[in-house]
All heavy atoms as atom14 arrays in JSON, in Angstrom:
{
  "sequence": "AQTNRIPASRVDEVLGMVGLADVGRKRSKGFSLGMSQRLGIAAALLG",
  "atom14_mask": [
    [1, 1, 1, 1, 1, 0, 0, 0, 0, 0, 0, 0, 0, 0],
    [1, 1, 1, 1, 1, 1, 1, 1, 1, 0, 0, 0, 0, 0],
    [1, 1, 1, 1, 1, 1, 1, 0, 0, 0, 0, 0, 0, 0],
    [1, 1, 1, 1, 1, 1, 1, 1, 0, 0, 0, 0, 0, 0],
    [1, 1, 1, 1, 1, 1, 1, 1, 1, 1, 1, 0, 0, 0],
    [1, 1, 1, 1, 1, 1, 1, 1, 0, 0, 0, 0, 0, 0],
    [1, 1, 1, 1, 1, 1, 1, 0, 0, 0, 0, 0, 0, 0],
    [1, 1, 1, 1, 1, 0, 0, 0, 0, 0, 0, 0, 0, 0],
    [1, 1, 1, 1, 1, 1, 0, 0, 0, 0, 0, 0, 0, 0],
    [1, 1, 1, 1, 1, 1, 1, 1, 1, 1, 1, 0, 0, 0],
    [1, 1, 1, 1, 1, 1, 1, 0, 0, 0, 0, 0, 0, 0],
    [1, 1, 1, 1, 1, 1, 1, 1, 0, 0, 0, 0, 0, 0],
    [1, 1, 1, 1, 1, 1, 1, 1, 1, 0, 0, 0, 0, 0],
    [1, 1, 1, 1, 1, 1, 1, 0, 0, 0, 0, 0, 0, 0],
    [1, 1, 1, 1, 1, 1, 1, 1, 0, 0, 0, 0, 0, 0],
    [1, 1, 1, 1, 0, 0, 0, 0, 0, 0, 0, 0, 0, 0],
    [1, 1, 1, 1, 1, 1, 1, 1, 0, 0, 0, 0, 0, 0],
    [1, 1, 1, 1, 1, 1, 1, 0, 0, 0, 0, 0, 0, 0],
    [1, 1, 1, 1, 0, 0, 0, 0, 0, 0, 0, 0, 0, 0],
    [1, 1, 1, 1, 1, 1, 1, 1, 0, 0, 0, 0, 0, 0],
    [1, 1, 1, 1, 1, 0, 0, 0, 0, 0, 0, 0, 0, 0],
    [1, 1, 1, 1, 1, 1, 1, 1, 0, 0, 0, 0, 0, 0],
    [1, 1, 1, 1, 1, 1, 1, 0, 0, 0, 0, 0, 0, 0],
    [1, 1, 1, 1, 0, 0, 0, 0, 0, 0, 0, 0, 0, 0],
    [1, 1, 1, 1, 1, 1, 1, 1, 1, 1, 1, 0, 0, 0],
    [1, 1, 1, 1, 1, 1, 1, 1, 1, 0, 0, 0, 0, 0],
    [1, 1, 1, 1, 1, 1, 1, 1, 1, 1, 1, 0, 0, 0],
    [1, 1, 1, 1, 1, 1, 0, 0, 0, 0, 0, 0, 0, 0],
    [1, 1, 1, 1, 1, 1, 1, 1, 1, 0, 0, 0, 0, 0],
    [1, 1, 1, 1, 0, 0, 0, 0, 0, 0, 0, 0, 0, 0],
    [1, 1, 1, 1, 1, 1, 1, 1, 1, 1, 1, 0, 0, 0],
    [1, 1, 1, 1, 1, 1, 0, 0, 0, 0, 0, 0, 0, 0],
    [1, 1, 1, 1, 1, 1, 1, 1, 0, 0, 0, 0, 0, 0],
    [1, 1, 1, 1, 0, 0, 0, 0, 0, 0, 0, 0, 0, 0],
    [1, 1, 1, 1, 1, 1, 1, 1, 0, 0, 0, 0, 0, 0],
    [1, 1, 1, 1, 1, 1, 0, 0, 0, 0, 0, 0, 0, 0],
    [1, 1, 1, 1, 1, 1, 1, 1, 1, 0, 0, 0, 0, 0],
    [1, 1, 1, 1, 1, 1, 1, 1, 1, 1, 1, 0, 0, 0],
    [1, 1, 1, 1, 1, 1, 1, 1, 0, 0, 0, 0, 0, 0],
    [1, 1, 1, 1, 0, 0, 0, 0, 0, 0, 0, 0, 0, 0],
    [1, 1, 1, 1, 1, 1, 1, 1, 0, 0, 0, 0, 0, 0],
    [1, 1, 1, 1, 1, 0, 0, 0, 0, 0, 0, 0, 0, 0],
    [1, 1, 1, 1, 1, 0, 0, 0, 0, 0, 0, 0, 0, 0],
    [1, 1, 1, 1, 1, 0, 0, 0, 0, 0, 0, 0, 0, 0],
    [1, 1, 1, 1, 1, 1, 1, 1, 0, 0, 0, 0, 0, 0],
    [1, 1, 1, 1, 1, 1, 1, 1, 0, 0, 0, 0, 0, 0],
    [1, 1, 1, 1, 0, 0, 0, 0, 0, 0, 0, 0, 0, 0]
  ],
  "atom14_positions": [
    [[35.15, 31.93, 155.39], [34.09, 32.8, 155.9], [33.44, 33.61, 154.78], [32.21, 33.72, 154.7], [34.66, 33.74, 156.96], [0.0, 0.0, 0.0], [0.0, 0.0, 0.0], [0.0, 0.0, 0.0], [0.0, 0.0, 0.0], [0.0, 0.0, 0.0], [0.0, 0.0, 0.0], [0.0, 0.0, 0.0], [0.0, 0.0, 0.0], [0.0, 0.0, 0.0]],
    [[34.25, 34.15, 153.9], [33.72, 35.0, 152.83], [32.85, 34.22, 151.86], [31.86, 34.75, 151.34], [34.88, 35.68, 152.09], [35.58, 36.74, 152.93], [36.83, 37.28, 152.26], [37.38, 36.65, 151.36], [37.3, 38.44, 152.71], [0.0, 0.0, 0.0], [0.0, 0.0, 0.0], [0.0, 0.0, 0.0], [0.0, 0.0, 0.0], [0.0, 0.0, 0.0]],
    [[33.21, 32.96, 151.59], [32.44, 32.16, 150.65], [31.19, 31.56, 151.29], [30.36, 30.96, 150.59], [33.29, 31.03, 150.05], [33.87, 30.26, 151.12], [34.4, 31.6, 149.18], [0.0, 0.0, 0.0], [0.0, 0.0, 0.0], [0.0, 0.0, 0.0], [0.0, 0.0, 0.0], [0.0, 0.0, 0.0], [0.0, 0.0, 0.0], [0.0, 0.0, 0.0]],
    [[31.06, 31.72, 152.6], [29.88, 31.18, 153.29], [29.1, 32.26, 154.05], [28.31, 31.94, 154.94], [30.31, 30.07, 154.25], [30.69, 28.79, 153.55], [29.86, 27.94, 153.3], [31.98, 28.65, 153.23], [0.0, 0.0, 0.0], [0.0, 0.0, 0.0], [0.0, 0.0, 0.0], [0.0, 0.0, 0.0], [0.0, 0.0, 0.0], [0.0, 0.0, 0.0]],
    [[29.36, 33.52, 153.71], [28.63, 34.65, 154.3], [28.72, 34.65, 155.82], [27.74, 34.85, 156.53], [27.17, 34.63, 153.85], [26.99, 34.76, 152.35], [25.53, 34.72, 151.95], [25.37, 34.83, 150.5], [24.2, 34.8, 149.87], [23.08, 34.65, 150.58], [24.14, 34.89, 148.56], [0.0, 0.0, 0.0], [0.0, 0.0, 0.0], [0.0, 0.0, 0.0]],
    [[29.94, 34.43, 156.3], [30.22, 34.47, 157.73], [31.04, 35.72, 158.02], [32.01, 36.0, 157.31], [31.0, 33.21, 158.16], [30.16, 31.95, 157.9], [31.4, 33.28, 159.63], [30.92, 30.65, 158.09], [0.0, 0.0, 0.0], [0.0, 0.0, 0.0], [0.0, 0.0, 0.0], [0.0, 0.0, 0.0], [0.0, 0.0, 0.0], [0.0, 0.0, 0.0]],
    [[30.69, 36.51, 159.01], [31.42, 37.75, 159.27], [32.88, 37.5, 159.64], [33.21, 36.49, 160.28], [30.65, 38.38, 160.44], [29.88, 37.27, 161.06], [29.55, 36.32, 159.95], [0.0, 0.0, 0.0], [0.0, 0.0, 0.0], [0.0, 0.0, 0.0], [0.0, 0.0, 0.0], [0.0, 0.0, 0.0], [0.0, 0.0, 0.0], [0.0, 0.0, 0.0]],
    [[33.75, 38.42, 159.23], [35.19, 38.28, 159.48], [35.49, 38.24, 160.97], [36.5, 37.63, 161.39], [35.94, 39.43, 158.81], [0.0, 0.0, 0.0], [0.0, 0.0, 0.0], [0.0, 0.0, 0.0], [0.0, 0.0, 0.0], [0.0, 0.0, 0.0], [0.0, 0.0, 0.0], [0.0, 0.0, 0.0], [0.0, 0.0, 0.0], [0.0, 0.0, 0.0]],
    [[34.66, 38.85, 161.78], [34.89, 38.85, 163.23], [34.88, 37.43, 163.8], [35.52, 37.14, 164.81], [33.84, 39.7, 163.93], [32.53, 39.2, 163.67], [0.0, 0.0, 0.0], [0.0, 0.0, 0.0], [0.0, 0.0, 0.0], [0.0, 0.0, 0.0], [0.0, 0.0, 0.0], [0.0, 0.0, 0.0], [0.0, 0.0, 0.0], [0.0, 0.0, 0.0]],
    [[34.15, 36.54, 163.12], [34.07, 35.15, 163.6], [35.41, 34.44, 163.44], [35.74, 33.54, 164.21], [32.98, 34.41, 162.82], [32.81, 32.94, 163.18], [32.35, 32.73, 164.61], [32.12, 31.3, 164.87], [31.91, 30.78, 166.07], [31.89, 31.56, 167.14], [31.71, 29.49, 166.21], [0.0, 0.0, 0.0], [0.0, 0.0, 0.0], [0.0, 0.0, 0.0]],
    [[36.21, 34.86, 162.44], [37.52, 34.25, 162.22], [38.42, 34.45, 163.44], [39.02, 33.5, 163.95], [38.19, 34.84, 160.96], [39.64, 34.4, 160.86], [37.4, 34.45, 159.72], [0.0, 0.0, 0.0], [0.0, 0.0, 0.0], [0.0, 0.0, 0.0], [0.0, 0.0, 0.0], [0.0, 0.0, 0.0], [0.0, 0.0, 0.0], [0.0, 0.0, 0.0]],
    [[38.51, 35.67, 163.9], [39.35, 35.94, 165.08], [38.79, 35.25, 166.32], [39.54, 34.82, 167.2], [39.45, 37.45, 165.32], [40.18, 38.16, 164.18], [41.22, 37.63, 163.74], [39.71, 39.22, 163.73], [0.0, 0.0, 0.0], [0.0, 0.0, 0.0], [0.0, 0.0, 0.0], [0.0, 0.0, 0.0], [0.0, 0.0, 0.0], [0.0, 0.0, 0.0]],
    [[37.47, 35.12, 166.37], [36.84, 34.47, 167.52], [37.24, 32.99, 167.6], [37.63, 32.49, 168.66], [35.32, 34.6, 167.41], [34.57, 34.05, 168.61], [33.07, 34.26, 168.49], [32.64, 35.08, 167.66], [32.32, 33.59, 169.24], [0.0, 0.0, 0.0], [0.0, 0.0, 0.0], [0.0, 0.0, 0.0], [0.0, 0.0, 0.0], [0.0, 0.0, 0.0]],
    [[37.17, 32.28, 166.47], [37.49, 30.86, 166.51], [39.0, 30.63, 166.65], [39.43, 29.64, 167.26], [36.94, 30.11, 165.29], [35.42, 30.13, 165.3], [37.49, 30.63, 163.98], [0.0, 0.0, 0.0], [0.0, 0.0, 0.0], [0.0, 0.0, 0.0], [0.0, 0.0, 0.0], [0.0, 0.0, 0.0], [0.0, 0.0, 0.0], [0.0, 0.0, 0.0]],
    [[39.82, 31.53, 166.11], [41.26, 31.41, 166.34], [41.58, 31.48, 167.83], [42.44, 30.74, 168.33], [42.02, 32.5, 165.58], [42.2, 32.3, 164.08], [42.78, 33.56, 163.43], [43.11, 31.09, 163.8], [0.0, 0.0, 0.0], [0.0, 0.0, 0.0], [0.0, 0.0, 0.0], [0.0, 0.0, 0.0], [0.0, 0.0, 0.0], [0.0, 0.0, 0.0]],
    [[40.89, 32.35, 168.52], [41.07, 32.43, 169.97], [40.55, 31.2, 170.67], [41.17, 30.72, 171.64], [0.0, 0.0, 0.0], [0.0, 0.0, 0.0], [0.0, 0.0, 0.0], [0.0, 0.0, 0.0], [0.0, 0.0, 0.0], [0.0, 0.0, 0.0], [0.0, 0.0, 0.0], [0.0, 0.0, 0.0], [0.0, 0.0, 0.0], [0.0, 0.0, 0.0]],
    [[39.45, 30.65, 170.2], [38.86, 29.46, 170.82], [39.8, 28.26, 170.76], [39.86, 27.45, 171.69], [37.54, 29.11, 170.15], [36.41, 30.07, 170.44], [34.93, 29.68, 169.45], [34.51, 28.06, 170.09], [0.0, 0.0, 0.0], [0.0, 0.0, 0.0], [0.0, 0.0, 0.0], [0.0, 0.0, 0.0], [0.0, 0.0, 0.0], [0.0, 0.0, 0.0]],
    [[40.55, 28.12, 169.66], [41.41, 26.95, 169.49], [42.85, 27.21, 169.9], [43.72, 26.34, 169.76], [41.37, 26.43, 168.04], [39.95, 26.08, 167.64], [41.99, 27.42, 167.07], [0.0, 0.0, 0.0], [0.0, 0.0, 0.0], [0.0, 0.0, 0.0], [0.0, 0.0, 0.0], [0.0, 0.0, 0.0], [0.0, 0.0, 0.0], [0.0, 0.0, 0.0]],
    [[43.14, 28.4, 170.39], [44.49, 28.7, 170.89], [45.49, 29.1, 169.84], [46.7, 28.99, 170.05], [0.0, 0.0, 0.0], [0.0, 0.0, 0.0], [0.0, 0.0, 0.0], [0.0, 0.0, 0.0], [0.0, 0.0, 0.0], [0.0, 0.0, 0.0], [0.0, 0.0, 0.0], [0.0, 0.0, 0.0], [0.0, 0.0, 0.0], [0.0, 0.0, 0.0]],
    [[45.02, 29.59, 168.67], [45.93, 29.98, 167.6], [45.95, 31.49, 167.35], [46.47, 31.94, 166.33], [45.54, 29.27, 166.29], [45.69, 27.75, 166.26], [45.25, 27.22, 164.9], [47.12, 27.32, 166.56], [0.0, 0.0, 0.0], [0.0, 0.0, 0.0], [0.0, 0.0, 0.0], [0.0, 0.0, 0.0], [0.0, 0.0, 0.0], [0.0, 0.0, 0.0]],
    [[45.45, 32.27, 168.27], [45.38, 33.72, 168.07], [46.76, 34.32, 167.83], [46.92, 35.23, 167.0], [44.71, 34.38, 169.27], [0.0, 0.0, 0.0], [0.0, 0.0, 0.0], [0.0, 0.0, 0.0], [0.0, 0.0, 0.0], [0.0, 0.0, 0.0], [0.0, 0.0, 0.0], [0.0, 0.0, 0.0], [0.0, 0.0, 0.0], [0.0, 0.0, 0.0]],
    [[47.77, 33.82, 168.52], [49.11, 34.4, 168.4], [49.83, 34.01, 167.12], [50.83, 34.63, 166.75], [49.97, 33.98, 169.61], [49.48, 34.6, 170.9], [48.76, 35.62, 170.84], [49.82, 34.06, 171.99], [0.0, 0.0, 0.0], [0.0, 0.0, 0.0], [0.0, 0.0, 0.0], [0.0, 0.0, 0.0], [0.0, 0.0, 0.0], [0.0, 0.0, 0.0]],
    [[49.37, 32.97, 166.44], [50.04, 32.52, 165.21], [49.09, 32.6, 164.01], [49.37, 32.02, 162.96], [50.56, 31.06, 165.36], [51.65, 31.01, 166.42], [49.43, 30.1, 165.69], [0.0, 0.0, 0.0], [0.0, 0.0, 0.0], [0.0, 0.0, 0.0], [0.0, 0.0, 0.0], [0.0, 0.0, 0.0], [0.0, 0.0, 0.0], [0.0, 0.0, 0.0]],
    [[48.01, 33.34, 164.15], [47.01, 33.42, 163.1], [47.53, 33.97, 161.79], [47.0, 33.64, 160.73], [0.0, 0.0, 0.0], [0.0, 0.0, 0.0], [0.0, 0.0, 0.0], [0.0, 0.0, 0.0], [0.0, 0.0, 0.0], [0.0, 0.0, 0.0], [0.0, 0.0, 0.0], [0.0, 0.0, 0.0], [0.0, 0.0, 0.0], [0.0, 0.0, 0.0]],
    [[48.58, 34.81, 161.83], [49.1, 35.42, 160.61], [50.33, 34.68, 160.07], [50.96, 35.13, 159.12], [49.42, 36.89, 160.85], [48.18, 37.7, 161.25], [48.43, 39.18, 161.31], [47.23, 39.9, 161.74], [46.23, 40.25, 160.91], [46.31, 39.95, 159.61], [45.17, 40.88, 161.37], [0.0, 0.0, 0.0], [0.0, 0.0, 0.0], [0.0, 0.0, 0.0]],
    [[50.65, 33.52, 160.66], [51.76, 32.71, 160.16], [51.26, 31.72, 159.14], [50.12, 31.24, 159.21], [52.43, 31.96, 161.32], [53.17, 32.89, 162.29], [53.93, 32.08, 163.33], [54.72, 33.01, 164.25], [55.47, 32.24, 165.28], [0.0, 0.0, 0.0], [0.0, 0.0, 0.0], [0.0, 0.0, 0.0], [0.0, 0.0, 0.0], [0.0, 0.0, 0.0]],
    [[52.14, 31.37, 158.17], [51.76, 30.42, 157.14], [51.57, 29.04, 157.74], [52.37, 28.57, 158.55], [52.82, 30.38, 156.05], [52.9, 31.67, 155.23], [53.92, 31.54, 154.12], [54.0, 32.77, 153.34], [54.81, 32.93, 152.3], [55.61, 31.92, 151.93], [54.82, 34.06, 151.62], [0.0, 0.0, 0.0], [0.0, 0.0, 0.0], [0.0, 0.0, 0.0]],
    [[50.54, 28.36, 157.29], [50.19, 27.07, 157.88], [51.18, 25.97, 157.53], [51.24, 24.94, 158.21], [48.78, 26.64, 157.42], [48.73, 26.5, 156.01], [0.0, 0.0, 0.0], [0.0, 0.0, 0.0], [0.0, 0.0, 0.0], [0.0, 0.0, 0.0], [0.0, 0.0, 0.0], [0.0, 0.0, 0.0], [0.0, 0.0, 0.0], [0.0, 0.0, 0.0]],
    [[52.03, 26.17, 156.5], [52.99, 25.13, 156.15], [54.03, 24.92, 157.25], [54.69, 23.88, 157.29], [53.69, 25.46, 154.82], [54.6, 26.69, 154.86], [55.24, 26.91, 153.5], [56.16, 28.13, 153.51], [56.76, 28.36, 152.16], [0.0, 0.0, 0.0], [0.0, 0.0, 0.0], [0.0, 0.0, 0.0], [0.0, 0.0, 0.0], [0.0, 0.0, 0.0]],
    [[54.17, 25.87, 158.14], [55.1, 25.72, 159.25], [54.45, 25.16, 160.51], [55.1, 25.03, 161.54], [0.0, 0.0, 0.0], [0.0, 0.0, 0.0], [0.0, 0.0, 0.0], [0.0, 0.0, 0.0], [0.0, 0.0, 0.0], [0.0, 0.0, 0.0], [0.0, 0.0, 0.0], [0.0, 0.0, 0.0], [0.0, 0.0, 0.0], [0.0, 0.0, 0.0]],
    [[53.18, 24.8, 160.42], [52.46, 24.31, 161.59], [52.81, 22.85, 161.87], [52.99, 22.05, 160.95], [50.95, 24.41, 161.38], [50.39, 25.81, 161.58], [51.23, 26.9, 161.74], [49.02, 26.02, 161.6], [50.71, 28.18, 161.92], [48.49, 27.27, 161.78], [49.33, 28.36, 161.95], [0.0, 0.0, 0.0], [0.0, 0.0, 0.0], [0.0, 0.0, 0.0]],
    [[52.87, 22.52, 163.14], [52.98, 21.12, 163.53], [51.65, 20.43, 163.28], [50.63, 21.08, 162.98], [53.33, 21.03, 165.02], [52.25, 21.52, 165.81], [0.0, 0.0, 0.0], [0.0, 0.0, 0.0], [0.0, 0.0, 0.0], [0.0, 0.0, 0.0], [0.0, 0.0, 0.0], [0.0, 0.0, 0.0], [0.0, 0.0, 0.0], [0.0, 0.0, 0.0]],
    [[51.63, 19.1, 163.42], [50.37, 18.37, 163.23], [49.33, 18.83, 164.24], [48.15, 19.01, 163.9], [50.61, 16.87, 163.36], [49.36, 15.98, 163.28], [48.6, 16.21, 161.98], [49.75, 14.51, 163.42], [0.0, 0.0, 0.0], [0.0, 0.0, 0.0], [0.0, 0.0, 0.0], [0.0, 0.0, 0.0], [0.0, 0.0, 0.0], [0.0, 0.0, 0.0]],
    [[49.76, 19.05, 165.48], [48.82, 19.51, 166.51], [48.22, 20.87, 166.18], [47.02, 21.1, 166.37], [0.0, 0.0, 0.0], [0.0, 0.0, 0.0], [0.0, 0.0, 0.0], [0.0, 0.0, 0.0], [0.0, 0.0, 0.0], [0.0, 0.0, 0.0], [0.0, 0.0, 0.0], [0.0, 0.0, 0.0], [0.0, 0.0, 0.0], [0.0, 0.0, 0.0]],
    [[49.06, 21.79, 165.68], [48.56, 23.11, 165.29], [47.62, 23.0, 164.1], [46.61, 23.71, 164.02], [49.73, 24.04, 164.98], [50.59, 24.38, 166.2], [52.13, 25.23, 165.74], [51.5, 26.81, 165.16], [0.0, 0.0, 0.0], [0.0, 0.0, 0.0], [0.0, 0.0, 0.0], [0.0, 0.0, 0.0], [0.0, 0.0, 0.0], [0.0, 0.0, 0.0]],
    [[47.93, 22.1, 163.16], [47.06, 21.9, 162.01], [45.71, 21.34, 162.46], [44.66, 21.7, 161.91], [47.72, 20.94, 161.02], [48.89, 21.51, 160.46], [0.0, 0.0, 0.0], [0.0, 0.0, 0.0], [0.0, 0.0, 0.0], [0.0, 0.0, 0.0], [0.0, 0.0, 0.0], [0.0, 0.0, 0.0], [0.0, 0.0, 0.0], [0.0, 0.0, 0.0]],
    [[45.74, 20.46, 163.46], [44.48, 19.93, 164.0], [43.64, 21.07, 164.57], [42.43, 21.13, 164.35], [44.77, 18.91, 165.09], [45.29, 17.58, 164.6], [44.22, 16.76, 163.9], [44.03, 16.84, 162.7], [43.5, 15.97, 164.65], [0.0, 0.0, 0.0], [0.0, 0.0, 0.0], [0.0, 0.0, 0.0], [0.0, 0.0, 0.0], [0.0, 0.0, 0.0]],
    [[44.28, 21.96, 165.31], [43.55, 23.09, 165.89], [42.96, 24.0, 164.81], [41.84, 24.5, 164.94], [44.47, 23.89, 166.82], [44.81, 23.15, 168.12], [45.82, 23.93, 168.95], [46.18, 23.24, 170.18], [45.6, 23.45, 171.37], [44.64, 24.36, 171.48], [45.98, 22.79, 172.44], [0.0, 0.0, 0.0], [0.0, 0.0, 0.0], [0.0, 0.0, 0.0]],
    [[43.72, 24.19, 163.73], [43.21, 25.01, 162.63], [42.01, 24.34, 161.96], [41.02, 24.99, 161.62], [44.32, 25.26, 161.6], [43.94, 26.09, 160.38], [43.37, 27.45, 160.78], [45.15, 26.26, 159.45], [0.0, 0.0, 0.0], [0.0, 0.0, 0.0], [0.0, 0.0, 0.0], [0.0, 0.0, 0.0], [0.0, 0.0, 0.0], [0.0, 0.0, 0.0]],
    [[42.09, 23.01, 161.8], [40.97, 22.28, 161.22], [39.73, 22.35, 162.1], [38.6, 22.46, 161.61], [0.0, 0.0, 0.0], [0.0, 0.0, 0.0], [0.0, 0.0, 0.0], [0.0, 0.0, 0.0], [0.0, 0.0, 0.0], [0.0, 0.0, 0.0], [0.0, 0.0, 0.0], [0.0, 0.0, 0.0], [0.0, 0.0, 0.0], [0.0, 0.0, 0.0]],
    [[39.93, 22.31, 163.41], [38.81, 22.43, 164.34], [38.22, 23.84, 164.28], [37.0, 24.02, 164.34], [39.27, 22.06, 165.77], [39.61, 20.56, 165.82], [38.19, 22.39, 166.8], [40.36, 20.15, 167.08], [0.0, 0.0, 0.0], [0.0, 0.0, 0.0], [0.0, 0.0, 0.0], [0.0, 0.0, 0.0], [0.0, 0.0, 0.0], [0.0, 0.0, 0.0]],
    [[39.1, 24.84, 164.13], [38.61, 26.22, 163.99], [37.73, 26.34, 162.75], [36.68, 27.0, 162.78], [39.8, 27.18, 163.89], [0.0, 0.0, 0.0], [0.0, 0.0, 0.0], [0.0, 0.0, 0.0], [0.0, 0.0, 0.0], [0.0, 0.0, 0.0], [0.0, 0.0, 0.0], [0.0, 0.0, 0.0], [0.0, 0.0, 0.0], [0.0, 0.0, 0.0]],
    [[38.13, 25.72, 161.65], [37.32, 25.75, 160.43], [35.97, 25.07, 160.64], [34.94, 25.54, 160.15], [38.08, 25.09, 159.28], [0.0, 0.0, 0.0], [0.0, 0.0, 0.0], [0.0, 0.0, 0.0], [0.0, 0.0, 0.0], [0.0, 0.0, 0.0], [0.0, 0.0, 0.0], [0.0, 0.0, 0.0], [0.0, 0.0, 0.0], [0.0, 0.0, 0.0]],
    [[35.97, 23.97, 161.4], [34.71, 23.27, 161.68], [33.77, 24.12, 162.51], [32.55, 24.06, 162.35], [35.01, 21.94, 162.38], [0.0, 0.0, 0.0], [0.0, 0.0, 0.0], [0.0, 0.0, 0.0], [0.0, 0.0, 0.0], [0.0, 0.0, 0.0], [0.0, 0.0, 0.0], [0.0, 0.0, 0.0], [0.0, 0.0, 0.0], [0.0, 0.0, 0.0]],
    [[34.34, 24.94, 163.4], [33.53, 25.77, 164.3], [33.09, 27.08, 163.65], [32.24, 27.79, 164.2], [34.32, 26.09, 165.57], [34.68, 24.91, 166.48], [35.63, 25.38, 167.58], [33.43, 24.29, 167.08], [0.0, 0.0, 0.0], [0.0, 0.0, 0.0], [0.0, 0.0, 0.0], [0.0, 0.0, 0.0], [0.0, 0.0, 0.0], [0.0, 0.0, 0.0]],
    [[33.66, 27.4, 162.5], [33.52, 28.74, 161.92], [32.06, 29.15, 161.73], [31.67, 30.28, 162.04], [34.26, 28.79, 160.58], [34.46, 30.16, 159.94], [35.26, 31.08, 160.85], [35.17, 29.99, 158.59], [0.0, 0.0, 0.0], [0.0, 0.0, 0.0], [0.0, 0.0, 0.0], [0.0, 0.0, 0.0], [0.0, 0.0, 0.0], [0.0, 0.0, 0.0]],
    [[31.23, 28.25, 161.23], [29.83, 28.59, 160.96], [28.91, 28.42, 162.15], [27.69, 28.54, 161.99], [0.0, 0.0, 0.0], [0.0, 0.0, 0.0], [0.0, 0.0, 0.0], [0.0, 0.0, 0.0], [0.0, 0.0, 0.0], [0.0, 0.0, 0.0], [0.0, 0.0, 0.0], [0.0, 0.0, 0.0], [0.0, 0.0, 0.0], [0.0, 0.0, 0.0]]
  ]
}
């Protein structure tokens, strides 16, 4: 978001959209493949 001039509020918005709001502060190395997919989709939706 910061490197693409997207407001930080959008980060929490897309985390909620993909169902990762409760694990947003956890390191991604512990994510399952399904959770990683959701994070990737959140990144695609960010802008």
